[in-house]
């Protein structure tokens, strides 16, 4: 049997696999078993910030693996401490809890919000349409997308999903019983939709009025992806809790909840925990990622290369207005919405040696490694232009 047949025989059929068998990665490229090279323009869905084969990352993983791969969280662990201290330093938040993934970080953030709010008579969670927060029950309870929720109910009570960027609905959704508002400041899976300035202004005013917590979901947009440490930093607002994951473990499973002083005392010993969260090997890798993003210049590179990418996408928008509806995003988190379904364009790019992701059927999503260069971007734009010219 070939790999596709073997996969079909043993897995639950949850993934629509690409017709590629990857052998290894180098830099910003993936190589298949038949020796073909592909420029990776979606970086493991925003996970592989350093690309593939980064020597410092591999050294940190190997060194920690020799010391120990796992300890119970009953022990103090230097890799956890080192990464947590760096996150506090570079984020401005004061507390960290490590999880295994983004959806677990969301679950923990919701638990913090409920535990903080219940003694204050606040139990309601408000979130927004078209968002993606994960696949566990808490995450699904604060989402409205049928393709993720159908067949899994009933969900958590006291959850309200209001229309994204709709100021009137925001006012109607929030009350004195609201314990937290959960928001992707740049919706990722939903098609790279940034929050609007009027919406943020209304949210700030309501937060002052009702005193709820604000949870920023930065799982896809955080840790330098947008050219800033977090996507919310493009807006005049201060969350109480931030969830991060994807790139923070350098490709190993790791997520984190960052909390302000406002919620620092909510969690006490025994009320929340995890067996594998904060795995020491993943944390050792995370310290390398964070150092390279902040002190190693990748934050600046994401900003600069993001500007070049945006310029190229905007040019295509001008050249092909019948094909390109809109370009949106920040840094190296960009979306190009087409007037038609995008899978054909993705397949054509793959034939030309470029890997790209399409989300929401019509949005080409660009999430390359933060190590990407201008030449890689120029190559991608050139091939997109040729493909667009061939489309009627």
Protein backbone atom coordinates (compact mmCIF):
# COMPACT_ATOMS: atom_id res chain seq x y z
CA UNK A 1 0.00 0.00 0.00
CA UNK A 2 1.12 3.57 -0.59
CA UNK A 3 1.12 6.17 2.20
CA UNK A 4 -2.39 7.48 1.37
CA UNK A 5 -3.85 3.96 1.50
CA UNK A 6 -2.07 3.22 4.77
CA UNK A 7 -3.37 6.49 6.25
CA UNK A 8 -6.92 5.70 5.20
CA UNK A 9 -6.71 2.28 6.82
CA UNK A 10 -5.64 3.36 10.31
CA UNK A 11 -6.68 6.99 11.02
CA UNK A 12 -9.97 8.64 11.81
CA UNK A 13 -10.63 10.59 8.63
CA UNK A 14 -10.34 14.10 10.06
CA UNK A 15 -7.75 15.70 7.76
CA UNK A 16 -7.80 16.55 4.09
CA UNK A 17 -4.17 15.68 3.42
CA UNK A 18 -2.04 17.31 0.74
CA UNK A 19 -0.77 14.84 -1.90
CA UNK A 20 2.81 15.15 -0.69
CA UNK A 21 5.09 12.87 1.34
CA UNK A 22 7.52 15.15 3.18
CA UNK A 23 10.98 13.81 3.81
CA UNK A 24 12.68 16.79 5.48
CA UNK A 25 12.87 20.56 5.73
CA UNK A 26 15.70 23.04 5.31
CA UNK A 27 15.34 26.75 6.02
CA UNK A 28 12.07 27.87 4.43
CA UNK A 29 11.82 24.80 2.17
CA UNK A 30 10.24 21.36 2.46
CA UNK A 31 11.51 18.39 0.45
CA UNK A 32 9.39 15.40 -0.55
CA UNK A 33 10.57 11.81 -0.72
CA UNK A 34 10.87 12.08 -4.49
CA UNK A 35 13.31 14.99 -4.10
CA UNK A 36 11.05 17.91 -5.02
CA UNK A 37 11.60 21.21 -3.19
CA UNK A 38 8.73 23.43 -2.02
CA UNK A 39 8.82 26.96 -0.66
CA UNK A 40 6.67 26.87 2.49
CA UNK A 41 4.50 29.98 2.66
CA UNK A 42 2.29 28.84 5.52
CA UNK A 43 4.89 27.47 7.93
CA UNK A 44 2.97 24.65 9.57
CA UNK A 45 0.04 27.06 10.01
CA UNK A 46 2.12 29.71 11.80
CA UNK A 47 4.03 27.18 13.93
CA UNK A 48 7.44 27.07 12.24
CA UNK A 49 8.55 30.62 12.95
CA UNK A 50 12.22 29.66 12.58
CA UNK A 51 11.65 27.54 9.50
CA UNK A 52 13.29 24.12 9.41
CA UNK A 53 16.59 22.87 10.81
CA UNK A 54 17.54 25.91 12.89
CA UNK A 55 20.82 24.86 14.52
CA UNK A 56 20.27 26.71 17.81
CA UNK A 57 16.81 25.20 18.16
CA UNK A 58 18.07 21.69 17.48
CA UNK A 59 20.95 22.13 19.93
CA UNK A 60 18.60 23.27 22.70
CA UNK A 61 16.28 20.31 22.08
CA UNK A 62 19.15 17.83 22.08
CA UNK A 63 20.79 19.29 25.18
CA UNK A 64 17.59 19.23 27.23
CA UNK A 65 16.66 15.76 25.96
CA UNK A 66 19.92 14.44 27.38
CA UNK A 67 19.15 15.95 30.80
CA UNK A 68 15.51 14.86 31.07
CA UNK A 69 12.52 14.80 28.73
CA UNK A 70 9.77 14.98 31.33
CA UNK A 71 9.29 15.72 35.02
CA UNK A 72 6.13 16.19 37.00
CA UNK A 73 5.11 19.78 37.53
CA UNK A 74 5.68 19.13 41.23
CA UNK A 75 9.32 19.96 40.46
CA UNK A 76 10.86 23.33 39.72
CA UNK A 77 12.34 23.13 36.24
CA UNK A 78 14.92 25.52 34.84
CA UNK A 79 13.65 25.35 31.20
CA UNK A 80 10.16 26.39 32.36
CA UNK A 81 11.49 29.17 34.57
CA UNK A 82 13.76 30.54 31.86
CA UNK A 83 10.97 30.71 29.28
CA UNK A 84 8.40 32.09 31.73
CA UNK A 85 10.79 34.86 32.80
CA UNK A 86 11.43 35.74 29.16
CA UNK A 87 7.71 35.82 28.39
CA UNK A 88 7.07 38.13 31.34
CA UNK A 89 9.94 40.37 30.27
CA UNK A 90 8.87 40.69 26.64
CA UNK A 91 5.10 40.70 27.10
CA UNK A 92 4.55 43.03 30.03
CA UNK A 93 2.32 40.46 31.74
CA UNK A 94 3.11 39.15 35.19
CA UNK A 95 2.01 35.50 35.33
CA UNK A 96 2.41 32.46 33.06
CA UNK A 97 0.74 29.06 32.90
CA UNK A 98 2.03 26.54 30.35
CA UNK A 99 -0.29 24.21 28.45
CA UNK A 100 0.21 21.71 25.65
CA UNK A 101 -1.68 23.60 22.97
CA UNK A 102 -3.69 26.66 22.04
CA UNK A 103 -7.07 25.15 22.72
CA UNK A 104 -5.91 24.12 26.21
CA UNK A 105 -4.71 27.68 26.79
CA UNK A 106 -8.19 28.90 25.86
CA UNK A 107 -9.79 26.38 28.24
CA UNK A 108 -7.54 27.58 31.05
CA UNK A 109 -8.27 31.22 30.28
CA UNK A 110 -12.02 30.55 30.42
CA UNK A 111 -11.58 28.81 33.77
CA UNK A 112 -9.65 31.80 35.12
CA UNK A 113 -12.40 34.12 33.89
CA UNK A 114 -15.17 32.09 35.51
CA UNK A 115 -13.25 31.67 38.78
CA UNK A 116 -12.53 35.40 38.86
CA UNK A 117 -16.08 36.37 37.98
CA UNK A 118 -18.24 33.99 40.02
CA UNK A 119 -17.68 35.70 43.40
CA UNK A 120 -18.48 38.99 41.67
CA UNK A 121 -21.76 37.73 40.23
CA UNK A 122 -20.26 37.54 36.74
CA UNK A 123 -20.62 34.32 34.75
CA UNK A 124 -21.24 35.26 31.10
CA UNK A 125 -18.69 34.82 28.34
CA UNK A 126 -18.92 36.94 25.18
CA UNK A 127 -17.13 36.08 21.95
CA UNK A 128 -17.58 36.85 18.27
CA UNK A 129 -18.73 35.39 14.99
CA UNK A 130 -16.32 33.78 12.54
CA UNK A 131 -13.71 33.21 15.26
CA UNK A 132 -11.69 30.07 15.82
CA UNK A 133 -10.50 29.31 19.36
CA UNK A 134 -9.92 25.56 19.23
CA UNK A 135 -11.76 22.24 19.21
CA UNK A 136 -12.43 21.45 22.87
CA UNK A 137 -15.83 22.08 24.45
CA UNK A 138 -15.02 25.42 26.02
CA UNK A 139 -13.55 26.70 22.75
CA UNK A 140 -16.49 25.39 20.73
CA UNK A 141 -18.92 26.99 23.18
CA UNK A 142 -17.60 30.45 22.29
CA UNK A 143 -17.66 29.87 18.51
CA UNK A 144 -20.50 29.99 16.00
CA UNK A 145 -19.11 28.11 13.01
CA UNK A 146 -21.33 25.11 12.15
CA UNK A 147 -18.56 23.07 10.51
CA UNK A 148 -16.76 22.88 13.87
CA UNK A 149 -19.78 22.67 16.20
CA UNK A 150 -22.35 20.53 14.42
CA UNK A 151 -23.20 17.34 16.29
CA UNK A 152 -21.22 18.16 19.43
CA UNK A 153 -23.77 20.01 21.55
CA UNK A 154 -25.00 20.87 24.06
CA UNK A 155 -22.28 23.37 24.87
CA UNK A 156 -21.39 25.44 27.93
CA UNK A 157 -24.14 27.71 29.23
CA UNK A 158 -23.87 31.49 29.61
CA UNK A 159 -21.98 31.97 26.35
CA UNK A 160 -22.94 34.61 23.79
CA UNK A 161 -21.50 34.96 20.28
CA UNK A 162 -21.98 38.48 18.92
CA UNK A 163 -21.24 39.69 15.39
CA UNK A 164 -17.58 40.54 14.86
CA UNK A 165 -16.93 44.27 14.42
CA UNK A 166 -20.60 45.11 15.05
CA UNK A 167 -20.63 47.85 17.69
CA UNK A 168 -24.41 47.69 18.22
CA UNK A 169 -24.34 43.95 18.90
CA UNK A 170 -21.37 44.42 21.21
CA UNK A 171 -23.41 46.83 23.35
CA UNK A 172 -26.33 44.40 23.47
CA UNK A 173 -24.15 41.40 24.33
CA UNK A 174 -22.32 42.89 27.32
CA UNK A 175 -23.88 43.44 30.75
CA UNK A 176 -22.96 43.54 34.42
CA UNK A 177 -22.97 39.70 34.33
CA UNK A 178 -20.21 39.54 31.71
CA UNK A 179 -17.10 38.00 33.22
CA UNK A 180 -14.95 38.01 30.08
CA UNK A 181 -14.85 38.96 26.43
CA UNK A 182 -12.74 36.67 24.21
CA UNK A 183 -11.38 38.20 21.03
CA UNK A 184 -9.03 37.43 18.16
CA UNK A 185 -7.81 40.91 17.27
CA UNK A 186 -6.91 39.43 13.88
CA UNK A 187 -9.07 36.46 13.00
CA UNK A 188 -6.82 33.79 11.50
CA UNK A 189 -8.80 30.71 10.50
CA UNK A 190 -11.72 33.04 9.81
CA UNK A 191 -9.89 34.69 6.91
CA UNK A 192 -7.40 37.28 8.33
CA UNK A 193 -9.98 39.81 9.48
CA UNK A 194 -8.62 42.54 11.81
CA UNK A 195 -10.83 44.14 14.42
CA UNK A 196 -11.93 47.70 13.59
CA UNK A 197 -10.89 50.81 15.51
CA UNK A 198 -14.51 51.77 16.36
CA UNK A 199 -15.08 48.28 17.73
CA UNK A 200 -11.99 48.54 19.95
CA UNK A 201 -13.06 51.98 21.18
CA UNK A 202 -16.51 50.63 22.11
CA UNK A 203 -14.93 47.61 23.81
CA UNK A 204 -12.68 49.87 25.88
CA UNK A 205 -15.63 51.99 26.98
CA UNK A 206 -17.70 48.96 27.94
CA UNK A 207 -14.77 47.46 29.84
CA UNK A 208 -14.51 50.63 31.93
CA UNK A 209 -18.26 50.58 32.51
CA UNK A 210 -18.78 46.91 33.42
CA UNK A 211 -15.34 45.76 34.63
CA UNK A 212 -15.09 42.45 32.76
CA UNK A 213 -11.88 40.67 31.77
CA UNK A 214 -10.56 40.85 28.23
CA UNK A 215 -8.98 37.68 26.82
CA UNK A 216 -6.88 38.16 23.69
CA UNK A 217 -6.52 35.01 21.59
CA UNK A 218 -3.02 35.42 20.11
CA UNK A 219 -2.52 31.76 19.28
CA UNK A 220 -1.96 32.47 15.59
CA UNK A 221 -1.09 36.18 15.68
CA UNK A 222 1.28 36.21 18.66
CA UNK A 223 5.04 35.89 19.21
CA UNK A 224 6.09 38.23 16.41
CA UNK A 225 3.86 37.01 13.60
CA UNK A 226 2.41 40.43 12.85
CA UNK A 227 5.64 42.42 13.24
CA UNK A 228 4.71 43.16 16.84
CA UNK A 229 4.90 40.79 19.79
CA UNK A 230 1.09 40.50 19.78
CA UNK A 231 -1.62 41.47 17.34
CA UNK A 232 -3.54 43.47 19.95
CA UNK A 233 -0.61 45.91 20.10
CA UNK A 234 -1.84 47.46 16.85
CA UNK A 235 -4.78 48.79 18.87
CA UNK A 236 -5.18 51.03 21.90
CA UNK A 237 -6.26 48.39 24.38
CA UNK A 238 -4.85 46.26 27.22
CA UNK A 239 -6.05 42.67 27.68
CA UNK A 240 -6.06 41.01 31.09
CA UNK A 241 -5.25 37.55 29.70
CA UNK A 242 -3.45 36.49 26.53
CA UNK A 243 -3.30 32.98 25.08
CA UNK A 244 -0.37 31.94 22.90
CA UNK A 245 0.74 28.67 21.29
CA UNK A 246 1.68 27.71 17.71
CA UNK A 247 5.24 29.14 17.29
CA UNK A 248 6.22 29.30 20.96
CA UNK A 249 7.47 25.69 21.15
CA UNK A 250 9.52 25.82 17.97
CA UNK A 251 7.39 23.00 16.52
CA UNK A 252 6.99 21.08 19.77
CA UNK A 253 3.60 21.06 21.56
CA UNK A 254 3.42 24.11 23.84
CA UNK A 255 0.95 26.83 24.72
CA UNK A 256 0.73 29.46 27.43
CA UNK A 257 -1.65 31.70 29.30
CA UNK A 258 -0.27 35.13 30.17
CA UNK A 259 -2.05 37.04 32.92
CA UNK A 260 -1.88 40.56 34.28
CA UNK A 261 -1.63 41.45 37.97
CA UNK A 262 -5.42 41.82 37.88
CA UNK A 263 -5.79 38.01 37.71
CA UNK A 264 -2.49 36.96 39.30
CA UNK A 265 -4.08 35.52 42.43
CA UNK A 266 -7.02 33.70 40.81
CA UNK A 267 -5.33 30.31 40.46
CA UNK A 268 -4.19 28.62 43.66
CA UNK A 269 -2.42 25.26 44.14
CA UNK A 270 -4.57 22.36 42.99
CA UNK A 271 -7.31 24.29 41.15
CA UNK A 272 -5.80 23.90 37.68
CA UNK A 273 -2.97 21.81 36.30
CA UNK A 274 -1.55 19.67 33.52
CA UNK A 275 0.63 16.59 33.22
CA UNK A 276 2.54 17.51 30.08
CA UNK A 277 2.09 21.28 29.88
CA UNK A 278 5.42 23.08 30.11
CA UNK A 279 7.35 20.07 28.84
CA UNK A 280 11.02 20.91 29.51
CA UNK A 281 12.19 20.08 25.98
CA UNK A 282 9.45 22.25 24.47
CA UNK A 283 10.30 25.07 26.89
CA UNK A 284 13.99 24.85 26.00
CA UNK A 285 12.98 25.20 22.36
CA UNK A 286 10.64 28.05 23.29
CA UNK A 287 13.46 30.05 24.84
CA UNK A 288 15.35 29.88 21.55
CA UNK A 289 12.27 30.97 19.58
CA UNK A 290 11.57 33.91 21.88
CA UNK A 291 15.22 35.02 21.87
CA UNK A 292 15.40 34.94 18.09
CA UNK A 293 12.10 36.77 17.72
CA UNK A 294 13.01 39.53 20.16
CA UNK A 295 16.79 39.89 20.34
CA UNK A 296 17.61 38.04 17.13
CA UNK A 297 15.83 40.41 14.77
CA UNK A 298 12.93 38.26 13.59
CA UNK A 299 10.37 40.70 14.96
CA UNK A 300 11.90 43.39 12.77
CA UNK A 301 12.13 40.99 9.83
CA UNK A 302 8.45 40.10 10.16
CA UNK A 303 7.61 43.81 10.00
CA UNK A 304 9.88 44.49 7.01
CA UNK A 305 9.05 41.37 5.03
CA UNK A 306 5.40 41.83 5.90
CA UNK A 307 5.50 45.27 4.33
CA UNK A 308 7.08 43.84 1.17
CA UNK A 309 4.53 41.01 1.05
CA UNK A 310 1.65 43.43 1.52
CA UNK A 311 2.96 45.68 -1.24
CA UNK A 312 3.15 42.74 -3.63
CA UNK A 313 -0.35 41.53 -2.75
CA UNK A 314 -1.75 45.05 -3.11
CA UNK A 315 -0.18 45.28 -6.55
CA UNK A 316 -1.89 42.06 -7.57
CA UNK A 317 -5.15 43.48 -6.23
CA UNK A 318 -4.74 46.49 -8.50
CA UNK A 319 -3.78 44.36 -11.51
CA UNK A 320 -6.55 41.79 -11.10
CA UNK A 321 -9.57 43.49 -9.49
CA UNK A 322 -11.87 40.87 -11.03
CA UNK A 323 -10.00 38.12 -9.15
CA UNK A 324 -8.84 39.81 -5.93
CA UNK A 325 -11.53 41.22 -3.68
CA UNK A 326 -9.41 42.45 -0.75
CA UNK A 327 -6.01 42.17 0.96
CA UNK A 328 -5.85 42.30 4.78
CA UNK A 329 -3.54 41.67 7.70
CA UNK A 330 -0.37 42.75 9.47
CA UNK A 331 3.26 41.69 9.15
CA UNK A 332 3.61 38.09 8.03
CA UNK A 333 -0.05 37.33 8.69
CA UNK A 334 -1.72 38.35 5.45
CA UNK A 335 -4.86 37.27 3.66
CA UNK A 336 -5.87 37.76 0.02
CA UNK A 337 -9.59 37.26 -0.50
CA UNK A 338 -10.49 36.13 -4.00
CA UNK A 339 -13.75 36.49 -5.88
CA UNK A 340 -13.71 32.72 -6.46
CA UNK A 341 -12.71 29.64 -4.47
CA UNK A 342 -8.98 29.53 -3.90
CA UNK A 343 -8.12 25.83 -3.92
CA UNK A 344 -7.38 25.92 -7.65
CA UNK A 345 -4.85 28.70 -7.11
CA UNK A 346 -3.31 26.76 -4.21
CA UNK A 347 -2.99 23.66 -6.39
CA UNK A 348 -1.39 25.69 -9.21
CA UNK A 349 1.13 27.16 -6.78
CA UNK A 350 1.93 23.70 -5.47
CA UNK A 351 2.68 22.56 -9.04
CA UNK A 352 5.15 25.47 -9.20
CA UNK A 353 6.85 24.48 -5.95
CA UNK A 354 5.12 26.85 -3.51
CA UNK A 355 2.94 25.71 -0.61
CA UNK A 356 0.11 27.99 0.47
CA UNK A 357 -3.05 27.55 2.52
CA UNK A 358 -6.62 28.58 1.66
CA UNK A 359 -9.07 29.27 4.47
CA UNK A 360 -12.77 30.07 4.30
CA UNK A 361 -12.74 28.72 0.71
CA UNK A 362 -11.75 32.08 -0.83
CA UNK A 363 -8.91 33.49 1.30
CA UNK A 364 -5.27 32.77 0.47
CA UNK A 365 -3.53 32.82 3.85
CA UNK A 366 0.16 33.76 4.06
CA UNK A 367 1.93 32.60 7.25
CA UNK A 368 5.54 31.97 6.19
CA UNK A 369 8.44 31.41 8.57
CA UNK A 370 9.61 34.66 10.14
CA UNK A 371 12.97 33.99 8.48
CA UNK A 372 11.51 34.59 5.00
CA UNK A 373 13.44 36.89 2.64
CA UNK A 374 12.47 39.35 -0.08
CA UNK A 375 13.54 36.88 -2.78
CA UNK A 376 11.10 34.28 -1.49
CA UNK A 377 8.28 36.82 -1.47
CA UNK A 378 9.13 38.05 -4.96
CA UNK A 379 9.08 34.47 -6.21
CA UNK A 380 5.65 33.89 -4.71
CA UNK A 381 4.18 37.11 -6.11
CA UNK A 382 5.62 36.35 -9.56
CA UNK A 383 4.01 32.92 -9.67
CA UNK A 384 0.70 34.27 -8.38
CA UNK A 385 0.72 36.89 -11.14
CA UNK A 386 1.30 34.22 -13.78
CA UNK A 387 -1.51 32.07 -12.37
CA UNK A 388 -3.93 35.00 -12.24
CA UNK A 389 -3.13 35.85 -15.86
CA UNK A 390 -4.07 32.34 -16.86
CA UNK A 391 -7.48 32.53 -15.15
CA UNK A 392 -10.47 33.72 -17.13
